[in-house]
Amino acid sequence: MLETLFSQKQEETWEYLDCALFSDKAFDRVGVVLFQDPDDGTCNTAFFDADGYFALCGIRAQPAEEPDLTYLGNGAVSFRAVYEDGHSYLFTITFSEEEHRVNFVVDSEPCP
């Protein structure tokens, strides 16, 4: 379902990587798609609602060979990405929405 929603909305340079469903339907979202935009040098998340609308949040890094996208609950996802210097990080992006305002919190820590 999410891959289909994404394919209907994606721009030409976006490359689908993975998706995860929101088992708790946090903030009326059904899931998240992880994708990259090689032209931009970004790794991005698209948080989808059931109608196909999405909110984007991205980082300036490349996805890891195995990004391991995981839904953590309450609007938070984690995945692995690599900076230009070759160091891998585990990123956590938390989506929230209040009074029609979308917010993202991005945290990262070095991968072991």
PDB file of N, CA and C in Angstrom:
ATOM      1  N   MET A   1       0.809  -1.196   0.000  1.00  0.00           N
ATOM      2  CA  MET A   1       0.000   0.000   0.000  1.00  0.00           C
ATOM      3  C   MET A   1       0.858   1.269   0.000  1.00  0.00           C
ATOM      4  N   LEU A   2       1.822   1.352   0.926  1.00  0.00           N
ATOM      5  CA  LEU A   2       2.656   2.559   0.996  1.00  0.00           C
ATOM      6  C   LEU A   2       3.509   2.733  -0.248  1.00  0.00           C
ATOM      7  N   GLU A   3       4.044   1.632  -0.752  1.00  0.00           N
ATOM      8  CA  GLU A   3       4.867   1.731  -1.959  1.00  0.00           C
ATOM      9  C   GLU A   3       4.030   2.251  -3.127  1.00  0.00           C
ATOM     10  N   THR A   4       2.781   1.830  -3.209  1.00  0.00           N
ATOM     11  CA  THR A   4       1.885   2.312  -4.263  1.00  0.00           C
ATOM     12  C   THR A   4       1.585   3.797  -4.090  1.00  0.00           C
ATOM     13  N   LEU A   5       1.255   4.214  -2.859  1.00  0.00           N
ATOM     14  CA  LEU A   5       1.018   5.641  -2.597  1.00  0.00           C
ATOM     15  C   LEU A   5       2.233   6.467  -2.991  1.00  0.00           C
ATOM     16  N   PHE A   6       3.414   5.984  -2.606  1.00  0.00           N
ATOM     17  CA  PHE A   6       4.649   6.702  -2.909  1.00  0.00           C
ATOM     18  C   PHE A   6       4.867   6.802  -4.415  1.00  0.00           C
ATOM     19  N   SER A   7       4.657   5.707  -5.135  1.00  0.00           N
ATOM     20  CA  SER A   7       4.908   5.715  -6.584  1.00  0.00           C
ATOM     21  C   SER A   7       3.995   6.699  -7.310  1.00  0.00           C
ATOM     22  N   GLN A   8       2.817   6.956  -6.757  1.00  0.00           N
ATOM     23  CA  GLN A   8       1.892   7.914  -7.361  1.00  0.00           C
ATOM     24  C   GLN A   8       2.300   9.357  -7.094  1.00  0.00           C
ATOM     25  N   LYS A   9       3.100   9.585  -6.071  1.00  0.00           N
ATOM     26  CA  LYS A   9       3.461  10.943  -5.650  1.00  0.00           C
ATOM     27  C   LYS A   9       4.912  11.308  -5.935  1.00  0.00           C
ATOM     28  N   GLN A  10       5.762  10.310  -6.147  1.00  0.00           N
ATOM     29  CA  GLN A  10       7.195  10.567  -6.186  1.00  0.00           C
ATOM     30  C   GLN A  10       7.634  11.413  -7.375  1.00  0.00           C
ATOM     31  N   GLU A  11       8.694  12.174  -7.146  1.00  0.00           N
ATOM     32  CA  GLU A  11       9.326  12.923  -8.227  1.00  0.00           C
ATOM     33  C   GLU A  11      10.265  11.991  -8.981  1.00  0.00           C
ATOM     34  N   GLU A  12      10.647  12.393 -10.164  1.00  0.00           N
ATOM     35  CA  GLU A  12      11.426  11.533 -11.056  1.00  0.00           C
ATOM     36  C   GLU A  12      12.735  11.041 -10.444  1.00  0.00           C
ATOM     37  N   THR A  13      13.400  11.866  -9.652  1.00  0.00           N
ATOM     38  CA  THR A  13      14.712  11.489  -9.119  1.00  0.00           C
ATOM     39  C   THR A  13      14.641  10.702  -7.809  1.00  0.00           C
ATOM     40  N   TRP A  14      13.463  10.561  -7.234  1.00  0.00           N
ATOM     41  CA  TRP A  14      13.342   9.848  -5.957  1.00  0.00           C
ATOM     42  C   TRP A  14      13.444   8.343  -6.175  1.00  0.00           C
ATOM     43  N   GLU A  15      14.219   7.678  -5.312  1.00  0.00           N
ATOM     44  CA  GLU A  15      14.391   6.229  -5.384  1.00  0.00           C
ATOM     45  C   GLU A  15      13.875   5.591  -4.101  1.00  0.00           C
ATOM     46  N   TYR A  16      12.828   4.790  -4.234  1.00  0.00           N
ATOM     47  CA  TYR A  16      12.222   4.089  -3.100  1.00  0.00           C
ATOM     48  C   TYR A  16      13.239   3.135  -2.482  1.00  0.00           C
ATOM     49  N   LEU A  17      13.302   3.115  -1.139  1.00  0.00           N
ATOM     50  CA  LEU A  17      14.196   2.199  -0.435  1.00  0.00           C
ATOM     51  C   LEU A  17      13.443   1.193   0.430  1.00  0.00           C
ATOM     52  N   ASP A  18      12.507   1.680   1.235  1.00  0.00           N
ATOM     53  CA  ASP A  18      11.824   0.802   2.181  1.00  0.00           C
ATOM     54  C   ASP A  18      10.597   1.525   2.734  1.00  0.00           C
ATOM     55  N   CYS A  19       9.756   0.795   3.445  1.00  0.00           N
ATOM     56  CA  CYS A  19       8.613   1.421   4.108  1.00  0.00           C
ATOM     57  C   CYS A  19       8.307   0.672   5.398  1.00  0.00           C
ATOM     58  N   ALA A  20       7.564   1.338   6.278  1.00  0.00           N
ATOM     59  CA  ALA A  20       7.128   0.735   7.537  1.00  0.00           C
ATOM     60  C   ALA A  20       5.732   1.252   7.854  1.00  0.00           C
ATOM     61  N   LEU A  21       4.864   0.361   8.281  1.00  0.00           N
ATOM     62  CA  LEU A  21       3.510   0.742   8.667  1.00  0.00           C
ATOM     63  C   LEU A  21       3.492   1.236  10.106  1.00  0.00           C
ATOM     64  N   PHE A  22       2.593   2.158  10.387  1.00  0.00           N
ATOM     65  CA  PHE A  22       2.389   2.659  11.751  1.00  0.00           C
ATOM     66  C   PHE A  22       1.311   1.791  12.399  1.00  0.00           C
ATOM     67  N   SER A  23       1.696   0.861  13.212  1.00  0.00           N
ATOM     68  CA  SER A  23       0.735  -0.043  13.842  1.00  0.00           C
ATOM     69  C   SER A  23      -0.209   0.690  14.781  1.00  0.00           C
ATOM     70  N   ASP A  24       0.217   1.835  15.308  1.00  0.00           N
ATOM     71  CA  ASP A  24      -0.614   2.589  16.255  1.00  0.00           C
ATOM     72  C   ASP A  24      -1.342   3.773  15.616  1.00  0.00           C
ATOM     73  N   LYS A  25      -1.157   3.979  14.310  1.00  0.00           N
ATOM     74  CA  LYS A  25      -1.805   5.085  13.573  1.00  0.00           C
ATOM     75  C   LYS A  25      -1.561   6.444  14.235  1.00  0.00           C
ATOM     76  N   ALA A  26      -0.372   6.643  14.760  1.00  0.00           N
ATOM     77  CA  ALA A  26      -0.014   7.888  15.448  1.00  0.00           C
ATOM     78  C   ALA A  26      -0.237   9.091  14.544  1.00  0.00           C
ATOM     79  N   PHE A  27      -0.857  10.121  15.082  1.00  0.00           N
ATOM     80  CA  PHE A  27      -1.108  11.378  14.372  1.00  0.00           C
ATOM     81  C   PHE A  27      -1.827  11.142  13.040  1.00  0.00           C
ATOM     82  N   ASP A  28      -2.676  10.131  13.011  1.00  0.00           N
ATOM     83  CA  ASP A  28      -3.446   9.764  11.813  1.00  0.00           C
ATOM     84  C   ASP A  28      -2.565   9.412  10.620  1.00  0.00           C
ATOM     85  N   ARG A  29      -1.370   8.931  10.885  1.00  0.00           N
ATOM     86  CA  ARG A  29      -0.470   8.485   9.816  1.00  0.00           C
ATOM     87  C   ARG A  29      -0.550   6.968   9.706  1.00  0.00           C
ATOM     88  N   VAL A  30      -0.424   6.462   8.489  1.00  0.00           N
ATOM     89  CA  VAL A  30      -0.481   5.012   8.279  1.00  0.00           C
ATOM     90  C   VAL A  30       0.899   4.399   8.116  1.00  0.00           C
ATOM     91  N   GLY A  31       1.898   5.223   7.801  1.00  0.00           N
ATOM     92  CA  GLY A  31       3.241   4.691   7.647  1.00  0.00           C
ATOM     93  C   GLY A  31       4.211   5.702   7.085  1.00  0.00           C
ATOM     94  N   VAL A  32       5.418   5.210   6.864  1.00  0.00           N
ATOM     95  CA  VAL A  32       6.510   6.055   6.387  1.00  0.00           C
ATOM     96  C   VAL A  32       7.253   5.336   5.267  1.00  0.00           C
ATOM     97  N   VAL A  33       7.700   6.108   4.291  1.00  0.00           N
ATOM     98  CA  VAL A  33       8.533   5.594   3.204  1.00  0.00           C
ATOM     99  C   VAL A  33       9.910   6.227   3.335  1.00  0.00           C
ATOM    100  N   LEU A  34      10.933   5.406   3.206  1.00  0.00           N
ATOM    101  CA  LEU A  34      12.318   5.872   3.175  1.00  0.00           C
ATOM    102  C   LEU A  34      12.758   5.875   1.716  1.00  0.00           C
ATOM    103  N   PHE A  35      13.309   7.000   1.261  1.00  0.00           N
ATOM    104  CA  PHE A  35      13.764   7.092  -0.125  1.00  0.00           C
ATOM    105  C   PHE A  35      14.980   8.004  -0.197  1.00  0.00           C
ATOM    106  N   GLN A  36      15.683   7.910  -1.313  1.00  0.00           N
ATOM    107  CA  GLN A  36      16.819   8.807  -1.520  1.00  0.00           C
ATOM    108  C   GLN A  36      16.600   9.633  -2.772  1.00  0.00           C
ATOM    109  N   ASP A  37      17.254  10.774  -2.782  1.00  0.00           N
ATOM    110  CA  ASP A  37      17.286  11.633  -3.960  1.00  0.00           C
ATOM    111  C   ASP A  37      18.757  11.845  -4.288  1.00  0.00           C
ATOM    112  N   PRO A  38      19.320  11.014  -5.181  1.00  0.00           N
ATOM    113  CA  PRO A  38      20.744  11.108  -5.495  1.00  0.00           C
ATOM    114  C   PRO A  38      21.165  12.475  -6.024  1.00  0.00           C
ATOM    115  N   ASP A  39      20.264  13.155  -6.746  1.00  0.00           N
ATOM    116  CA  ASP A  39      20.591  14.481  -7.270  1.00  0.00           C
ATOM    117  C   ASP A  39      20.783  15.489  -6.145  1.00  0.00           C
ATOM    118  N   ASP A  40      20.055  15.308  -5.072  1.00  0.00           N
ATOM    119  CA  ASP A  40      20.113  16.205  -3.911  1.00  0.00           C
ATOM    120  C   ASP A  40      21.128  15.764  -2.867  1.00  0.00           C
ATOM    121  N   GLY A  41      21.532  14.486  -2.916  1.00  0.00           N
ATOM    122  CA  GLY A  41      22.416  13.945  -1.892  1.00  0.00           C
ATOM    123  C   GLY A  41      21.715  13.782  -0.560  1.00  0.00           C
ATOM    124  N   THR A  42      20.406  13.434  -0.611  1.00  0.00           N
ATOM    125  CA  THR A  42      19.639  13.326   0.624  1.00  0.00           C
ATOM    126  C   THR A  42      19.004  11.951   0.787  1.00  0.00           C
ATOM    127  N   CYS A  43      18.794  11.615   2.033  1.00  0.00           N
ATOM    128  CA  CYS A  43      18.029  10.445   2.437  1.00  0.00           C
ATOM    129  C   CYS A  43      16.794  11.004   3.129  1.00  0.00           C
ATOM    130  N   ASN A  44      15.608  10.570   2.710  1.00  0.00           N
ATOM    131  CA  ASN A  44      14.377  11.238   3.125  1.00  0.00           C
ATOM    132  C   ASN A  44      13.337  10.274   3.665  1.00  0.00           C
ATOM    133  N   THR A  45      12.432  10.836   4.465  1.00  0.00           N
ATOM    134  CA  THR A  45      11.277  10.102   4.948  1.00  0.00           C
ATOM    135  C   THR A  45      10.020  10.841   4.510  1.00  0.00           C
ATOM    136  N   ALA A  46       9.009  10.076   4.118  1.00  0.00           N
ATOM    137  CA  ALA A  46       7.699  10.628   3.768  1.00  0.00           C
ATOM    138  C   ALA A  46       6.675   9.953   4.674  1.00  0.00           C
ATOM    139  N   PHE A  47       6.067  10.735   5.566  1.00  0.00           N
ATOM    140  CA  PHE A  47       5.088  10.230   6.527  1.00  0.00           C
ATOM    141  C   PHE A  47       3.697  10.384   5.911  1.00  0.00           C
ATOM    142  N   PHE A  48       3.036   9.263   5.595  1.00  0.00           N
ATOM    143  CA  PHE A  48       1.770   9.258   4.853  1.00  0.00           C
ATOM    144  C   PHE A  48       0.555   9.111   5.754  1.00  0.00           C
ATOM    145  N   ASP A  49      -0.526   9.820   5.361  1.00  0.00           N
ATOM    146  CA  ASP A  49      -1.828   9.543   5.965  1.00  0.00           C
ATOM    147  C   ASP A  49      -2.596   8.635   5.002  1.00  0.00           C
ATOM    148  N   ALA A  50      -3.776   8.194   5.389  1.00  0.00           N
ATOM    149  CA  ALA A  50      -4.544   7.231   4.593  1.00  0.00           C
ATOM    150  C   ALA A  50      -5.014   7.791   3.255  1.00  0.00           C
ATOM    151  N   ASP A  51      -5.088   9.115   3.127  1.00  0.00           N
ATOM    152  CA  ASP A  51      -5.521   9.739   1.875  1.00  0.00           C
ATOM    153  C   ASP A  51      -4.376   9.961   0.892  1.00  0.00           C
ATOM    154  N   GLY A  52      -3.156   9.612   1.279  1.00  0.00           N
ATOM    155  CA  GLY A  52      -2.011   9.768   0.391  1.00  0.00           C
ATOM    156  C   GLY A  52      -1.247  11.057   0.561  1.00  0.00           C
ATOM    157  N   TYR A  53      -1.684  11.905   1.480  1.00  0.00           N
ATOM    158  CA  TYR A  53      -0.922  13.127   1.759  1.00  0.00           C
ATOM    159  C   TYR A  53       0.274  12.761   2.622  1.00  0.00           C
ATOM    160  N   PHE A  54       1.381  13.484   2.421  1.00  0.00           N
ATOM    161  CA  PHE A  54       2.576  13.146   3.189  1.00  0.00           C
ATOM    162  C   PHE A  54       3.335  14.392   3.604  1.00  0.00           C
ATOM    163  N   ALA A  55       4.144  14.227   4.633  1.00  0.00           N
ATOM    164  CA  ALA A  55       5.047  15.274   5.111  1.00  0.00           C
ATOM    165  C   ALA A  55       6.459  14.724   4.998  1.00  0.00           C
ATOM    166  N   LEU A  56       7.378  15.550   4.472  1.00  0.00           N
ATOM    167  CA  LEU A  56       8.753  15.121   4.217  1.00  0.00           C
ATOM    168  C   LEU A  56       9.728  15.644   5.257  1.00  0.00           C
ATOM    169  N   CYS A  57      10.703  14.808   5.569  1.00  0.00           N
ATOM    170  CA  CYS A  57      11.842  15.220   6.380  1.00  0.00           C
ATOM    171  C   CYS A  57      13.048  14.450   5.861  1.00  0.00           C
ATOM    172  N   GLY A  58      14.153  15.148   5.625  1.00  0.00           N
ATOM    173  CA  GLY A  58      15.331  14.493   5.079  1.00  0.00           C
ATOM    174  C   GLY A  58      16.608  14.943   5.747  1.00  0.00           C
ATOM    175  N   ILE A  59      17.668  14.197   5.466  1.00  0.00           N
ATOM    176  CA  ILE A  59      19.000  14.508   5.989  1.00  0.00           C
ATOM    177  C   ILE A  59      19.995  14.486   4.836  1.00  0.00           C
ATOM    178  N   ARG A  60      21.079  15.221   4.994  1.00  0.00           N
ATOM    179  CA  ARG A  60      22.138  15.235   3.979  1.00  0.00           C
ATOM    180  C   ARG A  60      23.097  14.083   4.244  1.00  0.00           C
ATOM    181  N   ALA A  61      22.700  12.919   3.784  1.00  0.00           N
ATOM    182  CA  ALA A  61      23.497  11.702   3.926  1.00  0.00           C
ATOM    183  C   ALA A  61      22.952  10.685   2.931  1.00  0.00           C
ATOM    184  N   GLN A  62      23.718   9.642   2.703  1.00  0.00           N
ATOM    185  CA  GLN A  62      23.289   8.561   1.830  1.00  0.00           C
ATOM    186  C   GLN A  62      22.774   7.411   2.691  1.00  0.00           C
ATOM    187  N   PRO A  63      21.785   6.677   2.217  1.00  0.00           N
ATOM    188  CA  PRO A  63      21.310   5.540   3.007  1.00  0.00           C
ATOM    189  C   PRO A  63      22.406   4.487   3.131  1.00  0.00           C
ATOM    190  N   ALA A  64      22.431   3.807   4.255  1.00  0.00           N
ATOM    191  CA  ALA A  64      23.370   2.703   4.429  1.00  0.00           C
ATOM    192  C   ALA A  64      22.985   1.582   3.468  1.00  0.00           C
ATOM    193  N   GLU A  65      23.923   0.673   3.231  1.00  0.00           N
ATOM    194  CA  GLU A  65      23.639  -0.451   2.344  1.00  0.00           C
ATOM    195  C   GLU A  65      22.401  -1.211   2.819  1.00  0.00           C
ATOM    196  N   GLU A  66      22.275  -1.366   4.126  1.00  0.00           N
ATOM    197  CA  GLU A  66      21.074  -1.939   4.740  1.00  0.00           C
ATOM    198  C   GLU A  66      20.542  -0.918   5.734  1.00  0.00           C
ATOM    199  N   PRO A  67      19.621  -0.043   5.311  1.00  0.00           N
ATOM    200  CA  PRO A  67      19.186   1.057   6.174  1.00  0.00           C
ATOM    201  C   PRO A  67      18.387   0.621   7.400  1.00  0.00           C
ATOM    202  N   ASP A  68      17.780  -0.563   7.358  1.00  0.00           N
ATOM    203  CA  ASP A  68      17.069  -1.105   8.522  1.00  0.00           C
ATOM    204  C   ASP A  68      16.021  -0.135   9.064  1.00  0.00           C
ATOM    205  N   LEU A  69      15.131   0.334   8.187  1.00  0.00           N
ATOM    206  CA  LEU A  69      14.043   1.220   8.605  1.00  0.00           C
ATOM    207  C   LEU A  69      13.155   0.493   9.606  1.00  0.00           C
ATOM    208  N   THR A  70      12.917   1.136  10.754  1.00  0.00           N
ATOM    209  CA  THR A  70      12.133   0.522  11.827  1.00  0.00           C
ATOM    210  C   THR A  70      11.162   1.541  12.401  1.00  0.00           C
ATOM    211  N   TYR A  71       9.899   1.135  12.554  1.00  0.00           N
ATOM    212  CA  TYR A  71       8.935   1.992  13.239  1.00  0.00           C
ATOM    213  C   TYR A  71       9.047   1.733  14.734  1.00  0.00           C
ATOM    214  N   LEU A  72       9.288   2.795  15.503  1.00  0.00           N
ATOM    215  CA  LEU A  72       9.513   2.684  16.940  1.00  0.00           C
ATOM    216  C   LEU A  72       8.255   2.941  17.762  1.00  0.00           C
ATOM    217  N   GLY A  73       7.219   3.475  17.134  1.00  0.00           N
ATOM    218  CA  GLY A  73       5.988   3.815  17.836  1.00  0.00           C
ATOM    219  C   GLY A  73       5.877   5.307  18.066  1.00  0.00           C
ATOM    220  N   ASN A  74       4.643   5.776  18.237  1.00  0.00           N
ATOM    221  CA  ASN A  74       4.352   7.183  18.531  1.00  0.00           C
ATOM    222  C   ASN A  74       4.963   8.160  17.522  1.00  0.00           C
ATOM    223  N   GLY A  75       4.976   7.773  16.233  1.00  0.00           N
ATOM    224  CA  GLY A  75       5.446   8.662  15.175  1.00  0.00           C
ATOM    225  C   GLY A  75       6.945   8.672  14.937  1.00  0.00           C
ATOM    226  N   ALA A  76       7.694   7.788  15.604  1.00  0.00           N
ATOM    227  CA  ALA A  76       9.162   7.776  15.476  1.00  0.00           C
ATOM    228  C   ALA A  76       9.641   6.601  14.622  1.00  0.00           C
ATOM    229  N   VAL A  77      10.621   6.884  13.761  1.00  0.00           N
ATOM    230  CA  VAL A  77      11.260   5.848  12.952  1.00  0.00           C
ATOM    231  C   VAL A  77      12.767   5.967  13.096  1.00  0.00           C
ATOM    232  N   SER A  78      13.451   4.856  12.847  1.00  0.00           N
ATOM    233  CA  SER A  78      14.913   4.895  12.841  1.00  0.00           C
ATOM    234  C   SER A  78      15.412   4.220  11.571  1.00  0.00           C
ATOM    235  N   PHE A  79      16.599   4.649  11.132  1.00  0.00           N
ATOM    236  CA  PHE A  79      17.258   4.043   9.974  1.00  0.00           C
ATOM    237  C   PHE A  79      18.730   4.425  10.004  1.00  0.00           C
ATOM    238  N   ARG A  80      19.513   3.688   9.243  1.00  0.00           N
ATOM    239  CA  ARG A  80      20.958   3.935   9.181  1.00  0.00           C
ATOM    240  C   ARG A  80      21.296   4.694   7.898  1.00  0.00           C
ATOM    241  N   ALA A  81      22.217   5.644   8.036  1.00  0.00           N
ATOM    242  CA  ALA A  81      22.681   6.417   6.879  1.00  0.00           C
ATOM    243  C   ALA A  81      24.161   6.721   7.064  1.00  0.00           C
ATOM    244  N   VAL A  82      24.808   7.098   5.957  1.00  0.00           N
ATOM    245  CA  VAL A  82      26.254   7.324   5.946  1.00  0.00           C
ATOM    246  C   VAL A  82      26.544   8.738   5.459  1.00  0.00           C
ATOM    247  N   TYR A  83      27.337   9.468   6.247  1.00  0.00           N
ATOM    248  CA  TYR A  83      27.772  10.802   5.832  1.00  0.00           C
ATOM    249  C   TYR A  83      28.878  10.693   4.788  1.00  0.00           C
ATOM    250  N   GLU A  84      29.198  11.819   4.131  1.00  0.00           N
ATOM    251  CA  GLU A  84      30.239  11.840   3.095  1.00  0.00           C
ATOM    252  C   GLU A  84      31.586  11.347   3.600  1.00  0.00           C
ATOM    253  N   ASP A  85      31.856  11.537   4.898  1.00  0.00           N
ATOM    254  CA  ASP A  85      33.141  11.104   5.455  1.00  0.00           C
ATOM    255  C   ASP A  85      33.194   9.596   5.697  1.00  0.00           C
ATOM    256  N   GLY A  86      32.100   8.885   5.375  1.00  0.00           N
ATOM    257  CA  GLY A  86      32.073   7.436   5.500  1.00  0.00           C
ATOM    258  C   GLY A  86      31.587   6.911   6.835  1.00  0.00           C
ATOM    259  N   HIS A  87      31.295   7.782   7.785  1.00  0.00           N
ATOM    260  CA  HIS A  87      30.821   7.347   9.097  1.00  0.00           C
ATOM    261  C   HIS A  87      29.318   7.060   9.060  1.00  0.00           C
ATOM    262  N   SER A  88      28.939   5.934   9.653  1.00  0.00           N
ATOM    263  CA  SER A  88      27.536   5.518   9.705  1.00  0.00           C
ATOM    264  C   SER A  88      26.879   6.002  10.986  1.00  0.00           C
ATOM    265  N   TYR A  89      25.618   6.408  10.853  1.00  0.00           N
ATOM    266  CA  TYR A  89      24.845   6.884  11.997  1.00  0.00           C
ATOM    267  C   TYR A  89      23.471   6.234  11.991  1.00  0.00           C
ATOM    268  N   LEU A  90      22.931   6.057  13.184  1.00  0.00           N
ATOM    269  CA  LEU A  90      21.548   5.637  13.345  1.00  0.00           C
ATOM    270  C   LEU A  90      20.736   6.897  13.587  1.00  0.00           C
ATOM    271  N   PHE A  91      19.838   7.197  12.667  1.00  0.00           N
ATOM    272  CA  PHE A  91      18.996   8.391  12.766  1.00  0.00           C
ATOM    273  C   PHE A  91      17.625   8.003  13.303  1.00  0.00           C
ATOM    274  N   THR A  92      17.079   8.859  14.139  1.00  0.00           N
ATOM    275  CA  THR A  92      15.702   8.728  14.598  1.00  0.00           C
ATOM    276  C   THR A  92      14.977  10.009  14.220  1.00  0.00           C
ATOM    277  N   ILE A  93      13.905   9.861  13.463  1.00  0.00           N
ATOM    278  CA  ILE A  93      13.074  11.005  13.084  1.00  0.00           C
ATOM    279  C   ILE A  93      11.696  10.787  13.698  1.00  0.00           C
ATOM    280  N   THR A  94      11.260  11.776  14.459  1.00  0.00           N
ATOM    281  CA  THR A  94       9.958  11.697  15.115  1.00  0.00           C
ATOM    282  C   THR A  94       9.028  12.739  14.508  1.00  0.00           C
ATOM    283  N   PHE A  95       7.902  12.261  14.007  1.00  0.00           N
ATOM    284  CA  PHE A  95       6.870  13.098  13.402  1.00  0.00           C
ATOM    285  C   PHE A  95       5.810  13.402  14.450  1.00  0.00           C
ATOM    286  N   SER A  96       5.331  14.643  14.451  1.00  0.00           N
ATOM    287  CA  SER A  96       4.155  14.983  15.257  1.00  0.00           C
ATOM    288  C   SER A  96       3.386  16.084  14.539  1.00  0.00           C
ATOM    289  N   GLU A  97       2.129  16.215  14.897  1.00  0.00           N
ATOM    290  CA  GLU A  97       1.285  17.241  14.295  1.00  0.00           C
ATOM    291  C   GLU A  97       0.337  17.759  15.366  1.00  0.00           C
ATOM    292  N   GLU A  98       0.291  19.079  15.469  1.00  0.00           N
ATOM    293  CA  GLU A  98      -0.591  19.711  16.435  1.00  0.00           C
ATOM    294  C   GLU A  98      -1.217  20.935  15.792  1.00  0.00           C
ATOM    295  N   GLU A  99      -2.536  20.996  15.811  1.00  0.00           N
ATOM    296  CA  GLU A  99      -3.269  22.113  15.218  1.00  0.00           C
ATOM    297  C   GLU A  99      -2.802  22.397  13.788  1.00  0.00           C
ATOM    298  N   HIS A 100      -2.682  21.338  12.998  1.00  0.00           N
ATOM    299  CA  HIS A 100      -2.304  21.404  11.582  1.00  0.00           C
ATOM    300  C   HIS A 100      -0.871  21.876  11.360  1.00  0.00           C
ATOM    301  N   ARG A 101      -0.046  21.850  12.399  1.00  0.00           N
ATOM    302  CA  ARG A 101       1.377  22.170  12.247  1.00  0.00           C
ATOM    303  C   ARG A 101       2.184  20.887  12.385  1.00  0.00           C
ATOM    304  N   VAL A 102       2.983  20.610  11.375  1.00  0.00           N
ATOM    305  CA  VAL A 102       3.816  19.416  11.363  1.00  0.00           C
ATOM    306  C   VAL A 102       5.157  19.746  12.003  1.00  0.00           C
ATOM    307  N   ASN A 103       5.621  18.843  12.848  1.00  0.00           N
ATOM    308  CA  ASN A 103       6.920  19.009  13.504  1.00  0.00           C
ATOM    309  C   ASN A 103       7.736  17.734  13.336  1.00  0.00           C
ATOM    310  N   PHE A 104       9.045  17.921  13.212  1.00  0.00           N
ATOM    311  CA  PHE A 104       9.972  16.798  13.168  1.00  0.00           C
ATOM    312  C   PHE A 104      11.066  17.036  14.193  1.00  0.00           C
ATOM    313  N   VAL A 105      11.482  15.961  14.841  1.00  0.00           N
ATOM    314  CA  VAL A 105      12.662  15.991  15.698  1.00  0.00           C
ATOM    315  C   VAL A 105      13.608  14.944  15.132  1.00  0.00           C
ATOM    316  N   VAL A 106      14.855  15.352  14.865  1.00  0.00           N
ATOM    317  CA  VAL A 106      15.847  14.446  14.295  1.00  0.00           C
ATOM    318  C   VAL A 106      16.984  14.279  15.290  1.00  0.00           C
ATOM    319  N   ASP A 107      17.282  13.035  15.615  1.00  0.00           N
ATOM    320  CA  ASP A 107      18.409  12.699  16.483  1.00  0.00           C
ATOM    321  C   ASP A 107      19.283  11.700  15.748  1.00  0.00           C
ATOM    322  N   SER A 108      20.563  11.671  16.111  1.00  0.00           N
ATOM    323  CA  SER A 108      21.458  10.683  15.511  1.00  0.00           C
ATOM    324  C   SER A 108      22.524  10.277  16.513  1.00  0.00           C
ATOM    325  N   GLU A 109      23.035   9.076  16.311  1.00  0.00           N
ATOM    326  CA  GLU A 109      24.145   8.579  17.119  1.00  0.00           C
ATOM    327  C   GLU A 109      24.998   7.691  16.231  1.00  0.00           C
ATOM    328  N   PRO A 110      26.302   7.656  16.472  1.00  0.00           N
ATOM    329  CA  PRO A 110      27.175   6.814  15.653  1.00  0.00           C
ATOM    330  C   PRO A 110      26.769   5.345  15.760  1.00  0.00           C
ATOM    331  N   CYS A 111      26.843   4.638  14.646  1.00  0.00           N
ATOM    332  CA  CYS A 111      26.578   3.199  14.669  1.00  0.00           C
ATOM    333  C   CYS A 111      27.785   2.488  15.263  1.00  0.00           C
ATOM    334  N   PRO A 112      27.524   1.429  16.006  1.00  0.00           N
ATOM    335  CA  PRO A 112      28.652   0.674  16.601  1.00  0.00           C
ATOM    336  C   PRO A 112      29.489  -0.014  15.547  1.00  0.00           C
TER     337      PRO A 112
END
